[in-house]
Amino acid sequence: MEYDILAARRRTMAAAAQRSAAHALANVSDKSENMQKLLAAITQKQTAAPDAFGTGRHEQKYSPLEQQFVELARISTAKDSIIEQQRADIKLANETLEQKERSLRNMQEDLSKMMKSFSAKEEELSLMRSLGKDQAFVCDKMDELTKKLVESEKIIAAQRKEIEFLVRKIAKLDDDRILAQKLGTSSESATESTTGPLGLYWEREWTQADQKEGEMSYVELMDALGRARARNEMLENEAIMADEKYQQLNEVYAAVVAENTKLMARLGCSKLQFMHIRN
């Protein structure tokens, strides 16, 4: 704005000076023209005077006043030449000044564009810093979820081993119970033939006690197996949820990286343009 005001003042002063110079030059030109006419008249008078015999012409001497007019006319003619040269110089200087003003306006426009571009790049840089912080946060969350997923997989593997052990133990107890039932049936007949009713009574009591103990152990094992399976199922669900969240964060991370790459490319291009404009 200040530059525009100064430029306007400069143009106004230059125009006024040019008008004044043109007016002065016009006045001088009129005076010079009059002086040239006077010089021509005096010269014509000098060359047109006849000699005493009327046979030819001779050079007539100037009077002091005419001599002064002749000198003044010559000086005026020389001044006209100088003024014309100065007029050409002034015109050239005005044209040069206008070119400089146009160049300065173009530079001012380029500077304004560069300032706007700089402001836009500052905003992009701020956005990139924010995205960088978000990217770091996502990386931390991904590392945390990865650790939890690994721990969950370890716990699931341990639970599977425990379930397999319980299944094998239950199968062994089933085999032992079936074998005990078979042995109890065969021993019952043998006891009845050898020991009589009393021996048969005690044998039945022992068999029932062994069966109750086996049934209690079997129930406890089945209950433990159910709890282990439920826990394993819960851990598997947690692992699935953690894996899904990990995938989501991985997608967010990929999007953030892609956006940062685009912004870095744009920032690099803008920097090259800025350096090109500056040079």
Protein backbone atom coordinates (compact mmCIF):
# COMPACT_ATOMS: atom_id res chain seq x y z
CA MET A 1 0.00 0.00 0.00
CA GLU A 2 2.81 2.44 0.91
CA TYR A 3 4.58 1.50 -2.27
CA ASP A 4 1.47 2.26 -4.34
CA ILE A 5 1.12 5.70 -2.70
CA LEU A 6 4.79 6.52 -3.29
CA ALA A 7 4.58 5.29 -6.87
CA ALA A 8 1.48 7.44 -7.49
CA ARG A 9 3.22 10.50 -6.04
CA ARG A 10 6.28 9.81 -8.13
CA ARG A 11 4.22 9.48 -11.29
CA THR A 12 2.33 12.72 -10.48
CA MET A 13 5.56 14.63 -9.88
CA ALA A 14 7.10 13.22 -13.05
CA ALA A 15 4.05 14.18 -15.10
CA ALA A 16 4.06 17.71 -13.64
CA ALA A 17 7.76 18.07 -14.33
CA GLN A 18 7.26 16.78 -17.85
CA ARG A 19 4.42 19.27 -18.48
CA SER A 20 6.51 22.12 -17.07
CA ALA A 21 9.47 21.10 -19.19
CA ALA A 22 7.27 20.82 -22.27
CA HIS A 23 5.82 24.29 -21.62
CA ALA A 24 9.27 25.75 -21.09
CA LEU A 25 10.55 24.00 -24.18
CA ALA A 26 7.60 25.34 -26.18
CA ASN A 27 8.36 28.90 -25.04
CA VAL A 28 12.02 28.45 -25.79
CA SER A 29 11.16 26.92 -29.14
CA ASP A 30 9.01 29.94 -30.01
CA LYS A 31 11.76 32.31 -28.97
CA SER A 32 14.30 30.25 -30.87
CA GLU A 33 12.12 30.31 -33.95
CA ASN A 34 11.84 34.08 -33.71
CA MET A 35 15.59 34.39 -33.27
CA GLN A 36 16.20 32.16 -36.27
CA LYS A 37 13.86 34.30 -38.37
CA LEU A 38 15.68 37.41 -37.21
CA LEU A 39 19.05 35.83 -38.00
CA ALA A 40 17.82 34.82 -41.46
CA ALA A 41 16.55 38.33 -42.13
CA ILE A 42 19.84 39.91 -41.09
CA THR A 43 21.82 37.41 -43.15
CA GLN A 44 19.60 38.02 -46.17
CA LYS A 45 20.04 41.76 -45.73
CA GLN A 46 23.79 41.36 -45.61
CA THR A 47 24.04 39.20 -48.71
CA ALA A 48 21.47 41.15 -50.75
CA ALA A 49 23.15 44.60 -50.55
CA PRO A 50 24.71 45.71 -54.05
CA ASP A 51 28.18 47.20 -54.40
CA ALA A 52 28.90 50.80 -55.35
CA PHE A 53 29.16 50.04 -59.08
CA GLY A 54 25.93 48.05 -59.20
CA THR A 55 27.75 45.13 -60.79
CA GLY A 56 27.71 42.68 -57.89
CA ARG A 57 27.07 42.05 -54.26
CA HIS A 58 29.42 42.52 -51.36
CA GLU A 59 29.31 41.47 -47.72
CA GLN A 60 27.78 44.12 -45.56
CA LYS A 61 29.02 44.50 -42.03
CA TYR A 62 26.63 44.16 -39.12
CA SER A 63 25.84 47.03 -36.89
CA PRO A 64 26.62 46.49 -33.19
CA LEU A 65 22.99 45.82 -32.45
CA GLU A 66 22.68 43.40 -35.34
CA GLN A 67 25.89 41.69 -34.25
CA GLN A 68 24.39 41.17 -30.81
CA PHE A 69 21.24 39.74 -32.35
CA VAL A 70 23.33 37.39 -34.48
CA GLU A 71 25.27 36.15 -31.45
CA LEU A 72 22.06 35.78 -29.49
CA ALA A 73 20.48 33.82 -32.33
CA ARG A 74 23.47 31.49 -32.49
CA ILE A 75 23.37 30.97 -28.75
CA SER A 76 19.64 30.31 -28.94
CA THR A 77 20.18 27.75 -31.70
CA ALA A 78 22.83 25.99 -29.61
CA LYS A 79 20.48 26.01 -26.63
CA ASP A 80 17.76 24.49 -28.79
CA SER A 81 20.06 21.62 -29.67
CA ILE A 82 20.90 21.10 -26.00
CA ILE A 83 17.23 21.29 -25.03
CA GLU A 84 16.28 18.75 -27.70
CA GLN A 85 18.95 16.40 -26.38
CA GLN A 86 17.73 16.92 -22.83
CA ARG A 87 14.18 16.30 -23.97
CA ALA A 88 15.28 12.98 -25.48
CA ASP A 89 17.17 12.14 -22.28
CA ILE A 90 14.10 12.98 -20.15
CA LYS A 91 11.90 10.81 -22.35
CA LEU A 92 14.35 7.93 -22.06
CA ALA A 93 14.56 8.42 -18.28
CA ASN A 94 10.75 8.38 -18.02
CA GLU A 95 10.56 5.18 -20.05
CA THR A 96 13.26 3.61 -17.87
CA LEU A 97 11.37 4.73 -14.75
CA GLU A 98 8.15 3.18 -16.03
CA GLN A 99 9.98 -0.08 -16.76
CA LYS A 100 11.44 -0.07 -13.26
CA GLU A 101 8.01 0.59 -11.76
CA ARG A 102 6.50 -2.29 -13.76
CA SER A 103 9.35 -4.54 -12.68
CA LEU A 104 8.86 -3.45 -9.07
CA ARG A 105 5.11 -4.15 -9.27
CA ASN A 106 5.82 -7.60 -10.68
CA MET A 107 8.30 -8.25 -7.90
CA GLN A 108 5.74 -7.10 -5.34
CA GLU A 109 3.14 -9.47 -6.82
CA ASP A 110 5.66 -12.33 -6.77
CA LEU A 111 6.48 -11.50 -3.17
CA SER A 112 2.79 -11.53 -2.26
CA LYS A 113 2.37 -14.92 -3.93
CA MET A 114 5.44 -16.23 -2.13
CA MET A 115 4.08 -15.01 1.22
CA LYS A 116 0.76 -16.75 0.57
CA SER A 117 2.59 -19.92 -0.45
CA PHE A 118 4.74 -19.65 2.67
CA SER A 119 1.64 -19.34 4.87
CA ALA A 120 0.08 -22.36 3.16
CA LYS A 121 3.28 -24.36 3.67
CA GLU A 122 3.33 -23.39 7.34
CA GLU A 123 -0.21 -24.73 7.70
CA GLU A 124 0.79 -27.93 5.90
CA LEU A 125 3.83 -28.26 8.16
CA SER A 126 1.63 -27.85 11.24
CA LEU A 127 -0.72 -30.49 9.84
CA MET A 128 2.21 -32.81 9.20
CA ARG A 129 3.42 -32.36 12.77
CA SER A 130 -0.06 -33.21 14.03
CA LEU A 131 -0.17 -36.26 11.76
CA GLY A 132 3.28 -37.23 12.99
CA LYS A 133 2.03 -37.16 16.58
CA ASP A 134 -1.01 -39.23 15.56
CA GLN A 135 1.29 -41.65 13.78
CA ALA A 136 3.45 -42.03 16.89
CA PHE A 137 0.32 -42.62 18.99
CA VAL A 138 -0.90 -45.27 16.53
CA CYS A 139 2.52 -46.95 16.56
CA ASP A 140 2.46 -47.10 20.37
CA LYS A 141 -1.05 -48.58 20.33
CA MET A 142 -0.02 -51.14 17.72
CA ASP A 143 2.98 -52.17 19.80
CA GLU A 144 0.77 -52.47 22.88
CA LEU A 145 -1.81 -54.56 21.04
CA THR A 146 0.92 -56.73 19.53
CA LYS A 147 2.27 -57.48 23.01
CA LYS A 148 -1.23 -58.28 24.28
CA LEU A 149 -1.86 -60.52 21.28
CA VAL A 150 1.37 -62.42 21.87
CA GLU A 151 0.55 -62.82 25.56
CA SER A 152 -2.98 -64.00 24.71
CA GLU A 153 -1.59 -66.55 22.26
CA LYS A 154 0.77 -67.84 24.94
CA ILE A 155 -2.10 -68.13 27.45
CA ILE A 156 -4.28 -69.88 24.87
CA ALA A 157 -1.49 -72.35 24.10
CA ALA A 158 -1.07 -73.07 27.82
CA GLN A 159 -4.85 -73.52 28.23
CA ARG A 160 -4.94 -75.91 25.30
CA LYS A 161 -2.20 -78.00 26.89
CA GLU A 162 -4.12 -78.01 30.18
CA ILE A 163 -7.34 -79.04 28.41
CA GLU A 164 -5.54 -81.83 26.57
CA PHE A 165 -4.09 -83.02 29.87
CA LEU A 166 -7.53 -82.99 31.51
CA VAL A 167 -9.06 -84.82 28.57
CA ARG A 168 -6.39 -87.51 28.79
CA LYS A 169 -6.88 -87.76 32.56
CA ILE A 170 -10.67 -88.05 32.20
CA ALA A 171 -10.24 -90.73 29.55
CA LYS A 172 -7.92 -92.64 31.88
CA LEU A 173 -10.41 -92.33 34.73
CA ASP A 174 -13.14 -93.64 32.44
CA ASP A 175 -10.98 -96.60 31.54
CA ASP A 176 -10.16 -97.22 35.22
CA ARG A 177 -13.83 -96.97 36.16
CA ILE A 178 -14.87 -99.43 33.47
CA LEU A 179 -12.09 -101.81 34.51
CA ALA A 180 -13.09 -101.48 38.17
CA GLN A 181 -16.69 -102.27 37.30
CA LYS A 182 -15.60 -105.37 35.42
CA LEU A 183 -13.37 -106.47 38.27
CA GLY A 184 -16.14 -105.77 40.77
CA THR A 185 -18.59 -107.95 38.86
CA SER A 186 -16.15 -110.84 38.58
CA SER A 187 -15.03 -110.58 42.20
CA GLU A 188 -18.62 -110.48 43.39
CA SER A 189 -19.34 -113.95 42.12
CA ALA A 190 -16.06 -115.24 43.53
CA THR A 191 -16.75 -113.73 46.92
CA GLU A 192 -20.22 -115.18 47.13
CA SER A 193 -18.84 -118.65 46.60
CA THR A 194 -15.96 -118.35 49.07
CA THR A 195 -16.82 -115.95 51.86
CA GLY A 196 -20.54 -116.13 52.09
CA PRO A 197 -23.01 -113.30 52.72
CA LEU A 198 -20.74 -111.31 55.07
CA GLY A 199 -17.85 -111.17 52.66
CA LEU A 200 -20.25 -110.24 49.86
CA TYR A 201 -21.59 -107.38 51.96
CA TRP A 202 -18.20 -105.87 52.65
CA GLU A 203 -17.12 -106.33 49.05
CA ARG A 204 -20.15 -104.41 47.84
CA GLU A 205 -19.44 -101.60 50.32
CA TRP A 206 -15.88 -101.28 49.12
CA THR A 207 -16.96 -101.30 45.47
CA GLN A 208 -19.59 -98.58 46.07
CA ALA A 209 -17.03 -96.45 47.94
CA ASP A 210 -14.55 -96.80 45.06
CA GLN A 211 -17.29 -95.91 42.55
CA LYS A 212 -18.32 -92.81 44.55
CA GLU A 213 -14.72 -91.65 44.78
CA GLY A 214 -14.28 -92.21 41.04
CA GLU A 215 -17.52 -90.39 40.28
CA MET A 216 -16.49 -87.42 42.43
CA SER A 217 -13.10 -87.22 40.74
CA TYR A 218 -14.79 -87.48 37.35
CA VAL A 219 -17.27 -84.69 38.17
CA GLU A 220 -14.49 -82.46 39.45
CA LEU A 221 -12.43 -83.09 36.34
CA MET A 222 -15.41 -82.38 34.06
CA ASP A 223 -16.08 -79.17 35.97
CA ALA A 224 -12.43 -78.11 35.64
CA LEU A 225 -12.54 -79.02 31.97
CA GLY A 226 -15.65 -76.86 31.48
CA ARG A 227 -14.05 -73.94 33.23
CA ALA A 228 -10.87 -74.34 31.20
CA ARG A 229 -12.82 -74.50 27.95
CA ALA A 230 -14.83 -71.40 28.90
CA ARG A 231 -11.67 -69.54 29.77
CA ASN A 232 -10.01 -70.69 26.58
CA GLU A 233 -13.03 -69.56 24.57
CA MET A 234 -12.96 -66.16 26.28
CA LEU A 235 -9.25 -65.79 25.56
CA GLU A 236 -9.78 -66.76 21.94
CA ASN A 237 -12.53 -64.11 21.63
CA GLU A 238 -10.24 -61.53 23.19
CA ALA A 239 -7.48 -62.55 20.80
CA ILE A 240 -9.84 -62.20 17.82
CA MET A 241 -10.95 -58.74 19.01
CA ALA A 242 -7.34 -57.70 19.56
CA ASP A 243 -6.43 -58.92 16.09
CA GLU A 244 -9.33 -56.96 14.54
CA LYS A 245 -8.29 -53.81 16.42
CA TYR A 246 -4.72 -54.40 15.33
CA GLN A 247 -5.85 -54.62 11.70
CA GLN A 248 -7.86 -51.39 12.08
CA LEU A 249 -4.90 -49.57 13.58
CA ASN A 250 -2.70 -50.95 10.83
CA GLU A 251 -5.07 -49.49 8.22
CA VAL A 252 -5.05 -46.13 10.04
CA TYR A 253 -1.26 -46.26 10.20
CA ALA A 254 -1.04 -46.98 6.46
CA ALA A 255 -3.40 -44.07 5.70
CA VAL A 256 -1.36 -41.71 7.91
CA VAL A 257 1.89 -42.79 6.24
CA ALA A 258 0.37 -42.26 2.78
CA GLU A 259 -0.89 -38.79 3.76
CA ASN A 260 2.52 -37.86 5.19
CA THR A 261 4.19 -39.04 1.97
CA LYS A 262 1.86 -36.86 -0.13
CA LEU A 263 2.46 -33.83 2.09
CA MET A 264 6.23 -34.33 1.97
CA ALA A 265 6.08 -34.53 -1.84
CA ARG A 266 3.95 -31.36 -2.01
CA LEU A 267 6.26 -29.59 0.43
CA GLY A 268 9.29 -30.56 -1.66
CA CYS A 269 7.69 -29.29 -4.90
CA SER A 270 6.67 -26.04 -3.24
CA LYS A 271 10.17 -25.57 -1.89
CA LEU A 272 11.61 -26.01 -5.39
CA GLN A 273 9.10 -23.49 -6.76
CA PHE A 274 9.96 -21.05 -3.98
CA MET A 275 13.68 -21.38 -4.72
CA HIS A 276 13.00 -20.95 -8.44
CA ILE A 277 10.96 -17.77 -7.84
CA ARG A 278 13.57 -16.48 -5.43
CA ASN A 279 16.38 -17.03 -7.92
